Amino acid sequence: MPSIFKYLSLFASLGMTQIIPFDQPLPILTSPVVQVQAGKELHYQLTNFRNSTCQATLSFQNDTFLPVSAFASPRNCAGDQVAKLRIPESVPNGAAALEWQCSGTDGTAVNLMVISGGDGDWERFVAESEEVRINVQCWANVTGAISPPGNSSCV
């Protein structure tokens, strides 16, 4: 069974920040660890001037649950975009890592998080994992406030 140290070492070797241009070196955030509620939506700001497609992969400390991946396809708009990803309610509670990788770039960004409020229902998770999608919107078309850092993380 993987331990939290697997994610901590992965996290220390990669990185995340509030806004990251995909072609820049990625800084490392070691504290605080993001607290995430299962069933809630995470908002990521994509500084994506190349209109690259990105993949987000959510991995869990509980190795009964396989990683879940979804793609963020860019919109045809100038400037930054917002990607919204909902964490399934069936995920296990505990440590998880959300890794972003985009086509045409060498770097990845990782958010280390602790998930709470998940019911850990494996059968439901299998069904919900097929439904995981990333909704991308042009920054100018976003309605409502973007959650402040601490409630959601941005890449």
N, C-alpha and C. Protein backbone atom coordinates (compact mmCIF):
# COMPACT_ATOMS: atom_id res chain seq x y z
N MET A 1 0.85 -1.19 0.00
CA MET A 1 0.00 0.00 0.00
C MET A 1 0.89 1.24 0.00
N PRO A 2 0.68 2.16 -0.95
CA PRO A 2 1.51 3.36 -0.98
C PRO A 2 1.27 4.20 0.27
N SER A 3 2.27 4.90 0.68
CA SER A 3 2.14 5.74 1.86
C SER A 3 2.08 7.20 1.45
N ILE A 4 1.78 8.03 2.42
CA ILE A 4 1.73 9.47 2.19
C ILE A 4 3.09 9.97 1.72
N PHE A 5 4.17 9.26 2.10
CA PHE A 5 5.51 9.68 1.71
C PHE A 5 5.70 9.60 0.21
N LYS A 6 5.00 8.67 -0.45
CA LYS A 6 5.07 8.60 -1.91
C LYS A 6 4.60 9.92 -2.50
N TYR A 7 3.49 10.43 -2.00
CA TYR A 7 2.95 11.68 -2.52
C TYR A 7 3.81 12.87 -2.11
N LEU A 8 4.35 12.83 -0.90
CA LEU A 8 5.19 13.94 -0.47
C LEU A 8 6.45 14.03 -1.31
N SER A 9 7.07 12.88 -1.62
CA SER A 9 8.26 12.93 -2.45
C SER A 9 7.92 13.34 -3.87
N LEU A 10 6.80 12.86 -4.39
CA LEU A 10 6.35 13.28 -5.72
C LEU A 10 6.10 14.77 -5.72
N PHE A 11 5.44 15.25 -4.68
CA PHE A 11 5.10 16.66 -4.58
C PHE A 11 6.36 17.51 -4.48
N ALA A 12 7.33 17.06 -3.72
CA ALA A 12 8.56 17.83 -3.56
C ALA A 12 9.36 17.90 -4.85
N SER A 13 9.22 16.89 -5.69
CA SER A 13 9.99 16.89 -6.94
C SER A 13 9.28 17.62 -8.06
N LEU A 14 8.01 17.88 -7.90
CA LEU A 14 7.26 18.61 -8.92
C LEU A 14 6.86 19.96 -8.34
N GLY A 15 5.63 20.42 -8.55
CA GLY A 15 5.27 21.68 -7.94
C GLY A 15 3.92 22.19 -8.35
N MET A 16 3.50 23.26 -7.69
CA MET A 16 2.28 23.95 -8.06
C MET A 16 2.36 25.37 -7.53
N THR A 17 1.53 26.23 -8.06
CA THR A 17 1.44 27.61 -7.61
C THR A 17 0.06 28.12 -7.95
N GLN A 18 -0.21 29.37 -7.74
CA GLN A 18 -1.53 29.92 -8.01
C GLN A 18 -1.80 30.04 -9.50
N ILE A 19 -0.87 30.58 -10.26
CA ILE A 19 -1.02 30.71 -11.71
C ILE A 19 0.31 30.32 -12.34
N ILE A 20 0.29 29.35 -13.24
CA ILE A 20 1.53 28.87 -13.83
C ILE A 20 1.43 28.91 -15.34
N PRO A 21 2.29 29.68 -16.00
CA PRO A 21 2.39 29.54 -17.45
C PRO A 21 2.98 28.17 -17.74
N PHE A 22 2.40 27.44 -18.68
CA PHE A 22 2.80 26.06 -18.91
C PHE A 22 4.22 25.91 -19.43
N ASP A 23 4.83 26.96 -19.94
CA ASP A 23 6.18 26.82 -20.47
C ASP A 23 7.24 27.40 -19.52
N GLN A 24 6.90 27.61 -18.27
CA GLN A 24 7.82 28.16 -17.28
C GLN A 24 8.21 27.07 -16.28
N PRO A 25 9.37 27.22 -15.60
CA PRO A 25 9.71 26.29 -14.53
C PRO A 25 8.63 26.35 -13.45
N LEU A 26 8.33 25.22 -12.86
CA LEU A 26 7.26 25.15 -11.88
C LEU A 26 7.79 25.28 -10.46
N PRO A 27 7.29 26.24 -9.68
CA PRO A 27 7.72 26.36 -8.29
C PRO A 27 7.12 25.24 -7.46
N ILE A 28 7.66 25.04 -6.28
CA ILE A 28 7.20 23.97 -5.41
C ILE A 28 6.46 24.56 -4.21
N LEU A 29 5.27 24.07 -3.94
CA LEU A 29 4.51 24.43 -2.75
C LEU A 29 4.53 23.23 -1.82
N THR A 30 5.04 23.41 -0.62
CA THR A 30 5.09 22.31 0.32
C THR A 30 4.10 22.48 1.46
N SER A 31 3.56 23.68 1.63
CA SER A 31 2.61 23.91 2.70
C SER A 31 1.80 25.15 2.35
N PRO A 32 0.55 25.21 2.63
CA PRO A 32 -0.25 24.18 3.28
C PRO A 32 -0.74 23.15 2.27
N VAL A 33 -1.10 22.00 2.76
CA VAL A 33 -1.73 20.99 1.92
C VAL A 33 -3.18 21.40 1.73
N VAL A 34 -3.67 21.28 0.51
CA VAL A 34 -5.03 21.69 0.18
C VAL A 34 -6.02 20.71 0.79
N GLN A 35 -7.05 21.23 1.45
CA GLN A 35 -8.14 20.42 1.98
C GLN A 35 -9.28 20.47 0.97
N VAL A 36 -9.76 19.31 0.53
CA VAL A 36 -10.78 19.24 -0.51
C VAL A 36 -11.96 18.41 -0.01
N GLN A 37 -13.15 18.87 -0.31
CA GLN A 37 -14.38 18.16 0.05
C GLN A 37 -14.85 17.36 -1.16
N ALA A 38 -15.08 16.06 -0.97
CA ALA A 38 -15.60 15.23 -2.06
C ALA A 38 -16.93 15.81 -2.54
N GLY A 39 -17.15 15.76 -3.84
CA GLY A 39 -18.38 16.30 -4.43
C GLY A 39 -18.28 17.76 -4.81
N LYS A 40 -17.24 18.44 -4.37
CA LYS A 40 -17.07 19.87 -4.67
C LYS A 40 -16.27 20.05 -5.95
N GLU A 41 -16.40 21.23 -6.51
CA GLU A 41 -15.73 21.57 -7.76
C GLU A 41 -14.45 22.35 -7.47
N LEU A 42 -13.37 21.95 -8.14
CA LEU A 42 -12.10 22.68 -8.07
C LEU A 42 -12.00 23.56 -9.30
N HIS A 43 -11.48 24.77 -9.14
CA HIS A 43 -11.31 25.70 -10.26
C HIS A 43 -9.82 25.92 -10.47
N TYR A 44 -9.39 25.79 -11.71
CA TYR A 44 -7.99 25.99 -12.08
C TYR A 44 -7.92 27.07 -13.15
N GLN A 45 -7.03 28.03 -12.98
CA GLN A 45 -6.80 29.04 -14.01
C GLN A 45 -5.72 28.50 -14.93
N LEU A 46 -6.03 28.39 -16.21
CA LEU A 46 -5.09 27.90 -17.20
C LEU A 46 -4.51 29.07 -17.96
N THR A 47 -3.22 29.29 -17.82
CA THR A 47 -2.52 30.28 -18.62
C THR A 47 -2.03 29.53 -19.84
N ASN A 48 -2.88 29.47 -20.85
CA ASN A 48 -2.72 28.50 -21.93
C ASN A 48 -2.72 29.21 -23.27
N PHE A 49 -1.69 30.02 -23.52
CA PHE A 49 -1.68 30.79 -24.76
C PHE A 49 -1.40 29.93 -25.98
N ARG A 50 -0.94 28.70 -25.81
CA ARG A 50 -0.71 27.81 -26.95
C ARG A 50 -1.94 26.99 -27.32
N ASN A 51 -3.00 27.11 -26.55
CA ASN A 51 -4.20 26.29 -26.74
C ASN A 51 -3.88 24.81 -26.71
N SER A 52 -3.10 24.41 -25.73
CA SER A 52 -2.73 23.01 -25.54
C SER A 52 -3.83 22.26 -24.82
N THR A 53 -3.98 20.99 -25.16
CA THR A 53 -4.87 20.11 -24.41
C THR A 53 -4.11 19.61 -23.19
N CYS A 54 -4.79 19.59 -22.05
CA CYS A 54 -4.17 19.16 -20.81
C CYS A 54 -4.91 17.96 -20.24
N GLN A 55 -4.20 17.15 -19.47
CA GLN A 55 -4.78 16.01 -18.80
C GLN A 55 -4.57 16.16 -17.30
N ALA A 56 -5.63 15.94 -16.54
CA ALA A 56 -5.54 15.94 -15.08
C ALA A 56 -5.76 14.51 -14.61
N THR A 57 -4.89 14.03 -13.73
CA THR A 57 -4.99 12.68 -13.19
C THR A 57 -5.02 12.76 -11.67
N LEU A 58 -6.08 12.21 -11.09
CA LEU A 58 -6.26 12.18 -9.65
C LEU A 58 -5.90 10.79 -9.13
N SER A 59 -4.87 10.73 -8.27
CA SER A 59 -4.40 9.46 -7.69
C SER A 59 -4.65 9.49 -6.19
N PHE A 60 -4.92 8.33 -5.63
CA PHE A 60 -5.29 8.23 -4.22
C PHE A 60 -4.27 7.42 -3.43
N GLN A 61 -4.11 7.76 -2.16
CA GLN A 61 -3.25 6.98 -1.28
C GLN A 61 -3.82 5.57 -1.12
N ASN A 62 -5.14 5.45 -1.09
CA ASN A 62 -5.81 4.15 -0.99
C ASN A 62 -5.69 3.46 -2.34
N ASP A 63 -4.84 2.43 -2.43
CA ASP A 63 -4.57 1.81 -3.72
C ASP A 63 -5.69 0.89 -4.22
N THR A 64 -6.78 0.79 -3.49
CA THR A 64 -7.97 0.09 -3.99
C THR A 64 -8.61 0.90 -5.11
N PHE A 65 -8.40 2.21 -5.08
CA PHE A 65 -9.00 3.12 -6.04
C PHE A 65 -7.96 3.51 -7.08
N LEU A 66 -8.20 3.12 -8.33
CA LEU A 66 -7.28 3.46 -9.42
C LEU A 66 -7.34 4.95 -9.73
N PRO A 67 -6.28 5.51 -10.31
CA PRO A 67 -6.31 6.92 -10.70
C PRO A 67 -7.41 7.20 -11.73
N VAL A 68 -7.91 8.43 -11.69
CA VAL A 68 -8.94 8.89 -12.62
C VAL A 68 -8.34 10.02 -13.44
N SER A 69 -8.54 9.99 -14.76
CA SER A 69 -8.01 11.04 -15.64
C SER A 69 -9.13 11.68 -16.44
N ALA A 70 -8.93 12.95 -16.76
CA ALA A 70 -9.86 13.68 -17.63
C ALA A 70 -9.04 14.69 -18.43
N PHE A 71 -9.56 15.08 -19.59
CA PHE A 71 -8.87 16.02 -20.46
C PHE A 71 -9.54 17.38 -20.41
N ALA A 72 -8.70 18.42 -20.49
CA ALA A 72 -9.17 19.80 -20.59
C ALA A 72 -8.79 20.29 -21.98
N SER A 73 -9.79 20.46 -22.82
CA SER A 73 -9.55 20.96 -24.18
C SER A 73 -9.73 22.47 -24.18
N PRO A 74 -8.81 23.20 -24.79
CA PRO A 74 -8.88 24.66 -24.76
C PRO A 74 -10.06 25.20 -25.55
N ARG A 75 -10.49 26.38 -25.16
CA ARG A 75 -11.54 27.11 -25.88
C ARG A 75 -10.87 28.07 -26.85
N ASN A 76 -11.61 28.49 -27.84
CA ASN A 76 -11.11 29.46 -28.81
C ASN A 76 -11.36 30.86 -28.26
N CYS A 77 -10.51 31.28 -27.34
CA CYS A 77 -10.63 32.63 -26.79
C CYS A 77 -9.24 33.14 -26.43
N ALA A 78 -9.10 34.43 -26.44
CA ALA A 78 -7.82 35.03 -26.09
C ALA A 78 -7.66 35.03 -24.57
N GLY A 79 -6.46 34.82 -24.11
CA GLY A 79 -6.19 34.95 -22.69
C GLY A 79 -6.43 33.69 -21.89
N ASP A 80 -6.49 33.90 -20.59
CA ASP A 80 -6.61 32.78 -19.66
C ASP A 80 -7.97 32.11 -19.73
N GLN A 81 -7.98 30.86 -19.30
CA GLN A 81 -9.19 30.06 -19.29
C GLN A 81 -9.34 29.45 -17.90
N VAL A 82 -10.55 29.04 -17.56
CA VAL A 82 -10.82 28.43 -16.27
C VAL A 82 -11.28 27.00 -16.52
N ALA A 83 -10.63 26.06 -15.84
CA ALA A 83 -11.00 24.65 -15.92
C ALA A 83 -11.65 24.26 -14.60
N LYS A 84 -12.80 23.62 -14.68
CA LYS A 84 -13.53 23.20 -13.48
C LYS A 84 -13.61 21.68 -13.46
N LEU A 85 -13.24 21.10 -12.33
CA LEU A 85 -13.20 19.66 -12.15
C LEU A 85 -13.89 19.31 -10.84
N ARG A 86 -14.90 18.46 -10.90
CA ARG A 86 -15.62 18.04 -9.70
C ARG A 86 -15.02 16.74 -9.18
N ILE A 87 -14.71 16.71 -7.88
CA ILE A 87 -14.20 15.51 -7.23
C ILE A 87 -15.39 14.58 -6.96
N PRO A 88 -15.38 13.34 -7.45
CA PRO A 88 -16.51 12.43 -7.22
C PRO A 88 -16.79 12.23 -5.72
N GLU A 89 -18.05 12.08 -5.36
CA GLU A 89 -18.44 11.87 -3.97
C GLU A 89 -18.01 10.50 -3.46
N SER A 90 -17.74 9.58 -4.36
CA SER A 90 -17.41 8.20 -3.97
C SER A 90 -15.93 7.98 -3.69
N VAL A 91 -15.11 9.02 -3.78
CA VAL A 91 -13.67 8.86 -3.57
C VAL A 91 -13.38 8.48 -2.12
N PRO A 92 -12.22 7.87 -1.88
CA PRO A 92 -11.84 7.58 -0.50
C PRO A 92 -11.33 8.84 0.19
N ASN A 93 -11.51 8.90 1.48
CA ASN A 93 -10.95 10.00 2.27
C ASN A 93 -9.45 9.77 2.43
N GLY A 94 -8.71 10.85 2.56
CA GLY A 94 -7.27 10.73 2.79
C GLY A 94 -6.47 11.46 1.73
N ALA A 95 -5.19 11.14 1.69
CA ALA A 95 -4.25 11.82 0.79
C ALA A 95 -4.52 11.47 -0.66
N ALA A 96 -4.36 12.47 -1.52
CA ALA A 96 -4.51 12.29 -2.96
C ALA A 96 -3.59 13.29 -3.65
N ALA A 97 -3.31 13.03 -4.91
CA ALA A 97 -2.50 13.95 -5.71
C ALA A 97 -3.20 14.18 -7.04
N LEU A 98 -3.31 15.43 -7.46
CA LEU A 98 -3.89 15.79 -8.75
C LEU A 98 -2.75 16.32 -9.61
N GLU A 99 -2.44 15.59 -10.68
CA GLU A 99 -1.33 15.95 -11.56
C GLU A 99 -1.87 16.47 -12.88
N TRP A 100 -1.32 17.61 -13.32
CA TRP A 100 -1.67 18.21 -14.61
C TRP A 100 -0.48 18.08 -15.54
N GLN A 101 -0.75 17.67 -16.78
CA GLN A 101 0.26 17.64 -17.82
C GLN A 101 -0.39 18.13 -19.11
N CYS A 102 0.35 18.95 -19.86
CA CYS A 102 -0.21 19.54 -21.08
C CYS A 102 0.66 19.19 -22.28
N SER A 103 0.01 19.02 -23.43
CA SER A 103 0.75 18.69 -24.64
C SER A 103 1.70 19.83 -24.99
N GLY A 104 2.87 19.46 -25.51
CA GLY A 104 3.84 20.46 -25.93
C GLY A 104 4.68 21.03 -24.80
N THR A 105 4.56 20.48 -23.59
CA THR A 105 5.36 20.97 -22.47
C THR A 105 6.06 19.80 -21.79
N ASP A 106 7.18 20.10 -21.18
CA ASP A 106 7.93 19.08 -20.46
C ASP A 106 7.49 18.95 -19.01
N GLY A 107 6.97 20.02 -18.43
CA GLY A 107 6.67 20.04 -17.01
C GLY A 107 5.30 19.50 -16.67
N THR A 108 5.15 19.16 -15.41
CA THR A 108 3.85 18.81 -14.86
C THR A 108 3.67 19.63 -13.59
N ALA A 109 2.44 19.76 -13.16
CA ALA A 109 2.13 20.42 -11.90
C ALA A 109 1.31 19.45 -11.06
N VAL A 110 1.59 19.40 -9.77
CA VAL A 110 0.91 18.46 -8.89
C VAL A 110 0.37 19.22 -7.69
N ASN A 111 -0.88 18.93 -7.34
CA ASN A 111 -1.47 19.41 -6.10
C ASN A 111 -1.58 18.23 -5.16
N LEU A 112 -0.94 18.34 -4.00
CA LEU A 112 -1.14 17.35 -2.95
C LEU A 112 -2.33 17.82 -2.15
N MET A 113 -3.26 16.92 -1.87
CA MET A 113 -4.48 17.31 -1.16
C MET A 113 -4.91 16.23 -0.19
N VAL A 114 -5.74 16.63 0.74
CA VAL A 114 -6.39 15.70 1.64
C VAL A 114 -7.88 15.82 1.38
N ILE A 115 -8.50 14.69 1.01
CA ILE A 115 -9.93 14.67 0.68
C ILE A 115 -10.71 14.21 1.89
N SER A 116 -11.82 14.90 2.17
CA SER A 116 -12.74 14.48 3.23
C SER A 116 -14.15 14.46 2.65
N GLY A 117 -15.04 13.77 3.32
CA GLY A 117 -16.44 13.71 2.90
C GLY A 117 -16.72 12.69 1.82
N GLY A 118 -15.72 11.92 1.41
CA GLY A 118 -15.95 10.86 0.43
C GLY A 118 -16.55 9.64 1.11
N ASP A 119 -17.35 8.89 0.37
CA ASP A 119 -17.95 7.70 1.01
C ASP A 119 -17.15 6.43 0.76
N GLY A 120 -16.11 6.49 -0.09
CA GLY A 120 -15.25 5.33 -0.31
C GLY A 120 -15.95 4.12 -0.89
N ASP A 121 -17.03 4.36 -1.63
CA ASP A 121 -17.80 3.27 -2.25
C ASP A 121 -17.15 2.92 -3.59
N TRP A 122 -16.42 1.81 -3.62
CA TRP A 122 -15.65 1.44 -4.80
C TRP A 122 -16.53 1.23 -6.02
N GLU A 123 -17.66 0.52 -5.89
CA GLU A 123 -18.53 0.27 -7.04
C GLU A 123 -19.09 1.57 -7.60
N ARG A 124 -19.50 2.46 -6.72
CA ARG A 124 -20.00 3.76 -7.16
C ARG A 124 -18.88 4.57 -7.81
N PHE A 125 -17.67 4.47 -7.25
CA PHE A 125 -16.52 5.17 -7.79
C PHE A 125 -16.24 4.74 -9.23
N VAL A 126 -16.32 3.44 -9.51
CA VAL A 126 -16.08 2.94 -10.86
C VAL A 126 -17.05 3.60 -11.83
N ALA A 127 -18.33 3.69 -11.45
CA ALA A 127 -19.33 4.32 -12.31
C ALA A 127 -19.08 5.83 -12.43
N GLU A 128 -18.81 6.49 -11.31
CA GLU A 128 -18.59 7.94 -11.34
C GLU A 128 -17.31 8.32 -12.08
N SER A 129 -16.29 7.48 -12.02
CA SER A 129 -15.02 7.83 -12.66
C SER A 129 -15.17 7.93 -14.17
N GLU A 130 -16.13 7.21 -14.73
CA GLU A 130 -16.39 7.32 -16.17
C GLU A 130 -17.06 8.64 -16.53
N GLU A 131 -17.62 9.30 -15.54
CA GLU A 131 -18.35 10.56 -15.76
C GLU A 131 -17.49 11.79 -15.47
N VAL A 132 -16.26 11.62 -15.01
CA VAL A 132 -15.42 12.77 -14.66
C VAL A 132 -15.08 13.55 -15.92
N ARG A 133 -15.38 14.84 -15.91
CA ARG A 133 -15.12 15.74 -17.03
C ARG A 133 -14.50 17.03 -16.51
N ILE A 134 -13.78 17.71 -17.38
CA ILE A 134 -13.26 19.03 -17.06
C ILE A 134 -13.96 20.02 -17.97
N ASN A 135 -14.62 20.99 -17.38
CA ASN A 135 -15.32 22.03 -18.13
C ASN A 135 -14.39 23.24 -18.22
N VAL A 136 -14.05 23.64 -19.44
CA VAL A 136 -13.16 24.79 -19.66
C VAL A 136 -13.98 25.95 -20.20
N GLN A 137 -13.78 27.12 -19.59
CA GLN A 137 -14.46 28.34 -20.02
C GLN A 137 -13.44 29.44 -20.23
N CYS A 138 -13.76 30.35 -21.13
CA CYS A 138 -12.92 31.54 -21.29
C CYS A 138 -13.05 32.39 -20.04
N TRP A 139 -11.95 32.95 -19.59
CA TRP A 139 -11.96 33.75 -18.35
C TRP A 139 -13.01 34.84 -18.40
N ALA A 140 -13.17 35.49 -19.55
CA ALA A 140 -14.14 36.59 -19.68
C ALA A 140 -15.57 36.09 -19.57
N ASN A 141 -15.83 34.80 -19.81
CA ASN A 141 -17.19 34.26 -19.78
C ASN A 141 -17.54 33.58 -18.47
N VAL A 142 -16.64 33.59 -17.50
CA VAL A 142 -16.90 32.91 -16.23
C VAL A 142 -17.90 33.71 -15.43
N THR A 143 -18.92 33.02 -14.92
CA THR A 143 -19.89 33.67 -14.04
C THR A 143 -19.65 33.20 -12.62
N GLY A 144 -19.81 34.08 -11.69
CA GLY A 144 -19.59 33.74 -10.29
C GLY A 144 -18.13 33.93 -9.93
N ALA A 145 -17.89 33.95 -8.65
CA ALA A 145 -16.54 34.19 -8.16
C ALA A 145 -15.71 32.92 -8.23
N ILE A 146 -14.46 33.08 -8.53
CA ILE A 146 -13.52 31.97 -8.47
C ILE A 146 -13.15 31.80 -7.00
N SER A 147 -13.14 30.58 -6.53
CA SER A 147 -12.83 30.31 -5.13
C SER A 147 -11.42 30.79 -4.80
N PRO A 148 -11.25 31.37 -3.62
CA PRO A 148 -9.92 31.84 -3.24
C PRO A 148 -8.98 30.67 -2.98
N PRO A 149 -7.67 30.90 -3.09
CA PRO A 149 -6.72 29.84 -2.77
C PRO A 149 -6.98 29.31 -1.37
N GLY A 150 -6.84 28.03 -1.21
CA GLY A 150 -7.16 27.39 0.06
C GLY A 150 -8.45 26.61 -0.08
N ASN A 151 -9.42 27.17 -0.80
CA ASN A 151 -10.64 26.43 -1.11
C ASN A 151 -10.49 25.68 -2.41
N SER A 152 -9.74 26.22 -3.31
CA SER A 152 -9.41 25.52 -4.54
C SER A 152 -8.03 25.97 -4.96
N SER A 153 -7.38 25.14 -5.72
CA SER A 153 -6.02 25.45 -6.15
C SER A 153 -6.04 25.79 -7.62
N CYS A 154 -5.11 26.55 -8.04
CA CYS A 154 -5.05 26.95 -9.43
C CYS A 154 -3.77 26.47 -10.06
N VAL A 155 -3.88 26.08 -11.30
CA VAL A 155 -2.70 25.71 -12.08
C VAL A 155 -2.73 26.55 -13.33
